[in-house]
Amino acid sequence: MANSGKSLELKFAFYTLAATVLVAIWTFACNLINTTFAIVNPIGQIIVALVVGFLAFKLFMLIREQAKRKSDHAS
């Protein structure tokens, strides 16, 4: 039972680290796009952030689906 608690803590730590890295990359990408194209309008920056976030989410779901399919075939 104690091992399961440590495993859950480790899983939570990895998910927290992954979320932090994802947000940092998202912030960097949005900042790069806003700086490159000189987008200073706050509404434009929000639109860029939403589009980049949506594309990242779709990419994440695609990778997750491919991994799930691969693990189903391996079983």
C-alpha atoms as a PDB file:
ATOM      1  CA  MET A   1       0.000   0.000   0.000  1.00  0.00           C
ATOM      2  CA  ALA A   2       2.798   2.446   0.856  1.00  0.00           C
ATOM      3  CA  ASN A   3       4.403   1.837  -2.534  1.00  0.00           C
ATOM      4  CA  SER A   4       1.171   2.838  -4.278  1.00  0.00           C
ATOM      5  CA  GLY A   5       1.169   6.160  -2.414  1.00  0.00           C
ATOM      6  CA  LYS A   6       4.725   6.909  -3.527  1.00  0.00           C
ATOM      7  CA  SER A   7       3.841   5.960  -7.073  1.00  0.00           C
ATOM      8  CA  LEU A   8       0.868   8.314  -7.014  1.00  0.00           C
ATOM      9  CA  GLU A   9       3.059  11.129  -5.681  1.00  0.00           C
ATOM     10  CA  LEU A  10       5.626  10.473  -8.395  1.00  0.00           C
ATOM     11  CA  LYS A  11       2.929  10.453 -11.078  1.00  0.00           C
ATOM     12  CA  PHE A  12       1.554  13.749  -9.734  1.00  0.00           C
ATOM     13  CA  ALA A  13       5.046  15.253  -9.768  1.00  0.00           C
ATOM     14  CA  PHE A  14       5.622  14.189 -13.366  1.00  0.00           C
ATOM     15  CA  TYR A  15       2.236  15.562 -14.482  1.00  0.00           C
ATOM     16  CA  THR A  16       2.970  18.850 -12.692  1.00  0.00           C
ATOM     17  CA  LEU A  17       6.377  19.048 -14.371  1.00  0.00           C
ATOM     18  CA  ALA A  18       4.859  18.262 -17.777  1.00  0.00           C
ATOM     19  CA  ALA A  19       2.178  20.929 -17.311  1.00  0.00           C
ATOM     20  CA  THR A  20       4.793  23.489 -16.288  1.00  0.00           C
ATOM     21  CA  VAL A  21       6.932  22.704 -19.330  1.00  0.00           C
ATOM     22  CA  LEU A  22       3.885  22.855 -21.604  1.00  0.00           C
ATOM     23  CA  VAL A  23       2.868  26.274 -20.255  1.00  0.00           C
ATOM     24  CA  ALA A  24       6.445  27.561 -20.611  1.00  0.00           C
ATOM     25  CA  ILE A  25       6.612  26.405 -24.234  1.00  0.00           C
ATOM     26  CA  TRP A  26       3.160  27.858 -24.924  1.00  0.00           C
ATOM     27  CA  THR A  27       4.223  31.199 -23.421  1.00  0.00           C
ATOM     28  CA  PHE A  28       7.443  31.230 -25.433  1.00  0.00           C
ATOM     29  CA  ALA A  29       5.620  30.417 -28.693  1.00  0.00           C
ATOM     30  CA  CYS A  30       2.971  33.106 -28.136  1.00  0.00           C
ATOM     31  CA  ASN A  31       5.598  35.682 -27.185  1.00  0.00           C
ATOM     32  CA  LEU A  32       7.680  34.795 -30.244  1.00  0.00           C
ATOM     33  CA  ILE A  33       4.672  35.135 -32.576  1.00  0.00           C
ATOM     34  CA  ASN A  34       3.562  38.407 -30.977  1.00  0.00           C
ATOM     35  CA  THR A  35       7.090  39.858 -31.203  1.00  0.00           C
ATOM     36  CA  THR A  36       7.792  38.595 -34.722  1.00  0.00           C
ATOM     37  CA  PHE A  37       4.592  39.982 -36.197  1.00  0.00           C
ATOM     38  CA  ALA A  38       4.523  43.066 -33.919  1.00  0.00           C
ATOM     39  CA  ILE A  39       1.097  42.218 -32.475  1.00  0.00           C
ATOM     40  CA  VAL A  40       0.522  44.797 -29.750  1.00  0.00           C
ATOM     41  CA  ASN A  41      -3.281  44.686 -29.651  1.00  0.00           C
ATOM     42  CA  PRO A  42      -4.334  42.715 -26.531  1.00  0.00           C
ATOM     43  CA  ILE A  43      -7.223  41.078 -28.420  1.00  0.00           C
ATOM     44  CA  GLY A  44      -4.796  39.941 -31.113  1.00  0.00           C
ATOM     45  CA  GLN A  45      -2.498  38.502 -28.454  1.00  0.00           C
ATOM     46  CA  ILE A  46      -5.398  36.601 -26.893  1.00  0.00           C
ATOM     47  CA  ILE A  47      -6.374  35.217 -30.297  1.00  0.00           C
ATOM     48  CA  VAL A  48      -2.771  34.094 -30.912  1.00  0.00           C
ATOM     49  CA  ALA A  49      -2.672  32.434 -27.470  1.00  0.00           C
ATOM     50  CA  LEU A  50      -5.958  30.611 -28.083  1.00  0.00           C
ATOM     51  CA  VAL A  51      -4.903  29.406 -31.538  1.00  0.00           C
ATOM     52  CA  VAL A  52      -1.504  28.187 -30.311  1.00  0.00           C
ATOM     53  CA  GLY A  53      -3.155  26.504 -27.306  1.00  0.00           C
ATOM     54  CA  PHE A  54      -5.762  24.817 -29.489  1.00  0.00           C
ATOM     55  CA  LEU A  55      -3.112  23.519 -31.904  1.00  0.00           C
ATOM     56  CA  ALA A  56      -0.981  22.240 -29.013  1.00  0.00           C
ATOM     57  CA  PHE A  57      -4.012  20.485 -27.511  1.00  0.00           C
ATOM     58  CA  LYS A  58      -4.862  18.843 -30.855  1.00  0.00           C
ATOM     59  CA  LEU A  59      -1.246  17.722 -31.268  1.00  0.00           C
ATOM     60  CA  PHE A  60      -1.242  16.298 -27.736  1.00  0.00           C
ATOM     61  CA  MET A  61      -4.481  14.389 -28.411  1.00  0.00           C
ATOM     62  CA  LEU A  62      -3.086  13.027 -31.685  1.00  0.00           C
ATOM     63  CA  ILE A  63       0.108  11.808 -29.996  1.00  0.00           C
ATOM     64  CA  ARG A  64      -1.924  10.295 -27.146  1.00  0.00           C
ATOM     65  CA  GLU A  65      -4.196   8.459 -29.597  1.00  0.00           C
ATOM     66  CA  GLN A  66      -1.212   7.111 -31.549  1.00  0.00           C
ATOM     67  CA  ALA A  67       0.441   5.899 -28.342  1.00  0.00           C
ATOM     68  CA  LYS A  68      -2.794   4.255 -27.224  1.00  0.00           C
ATOM     69  CA  ARG A  69      -3.163   2.525 -30.597  1.00  0.00           C
ATOM     70  CA  LYS A  70       0.444   1.353 -30.482  1.00  0.00           C
ATOM     71  CA  SER A  71       0.019  -0.039 -26.951  1.00  0.00           C
ATOM     72  CA  ASP A  72      -3.198  -1.829 -27.983  1.00  0.00           C
ATOM     73  CA  HIS A  73      -1.413  -3.537 -30.870  1.00  0.00           C
ATOM     74  CA  ALA A  74       1.486  -4.555 -28.624  1.00  0.00           C
ATOM     75  CA  SER A  75      -0.831  -6.337 -26.169  1.00  0.00           C
END
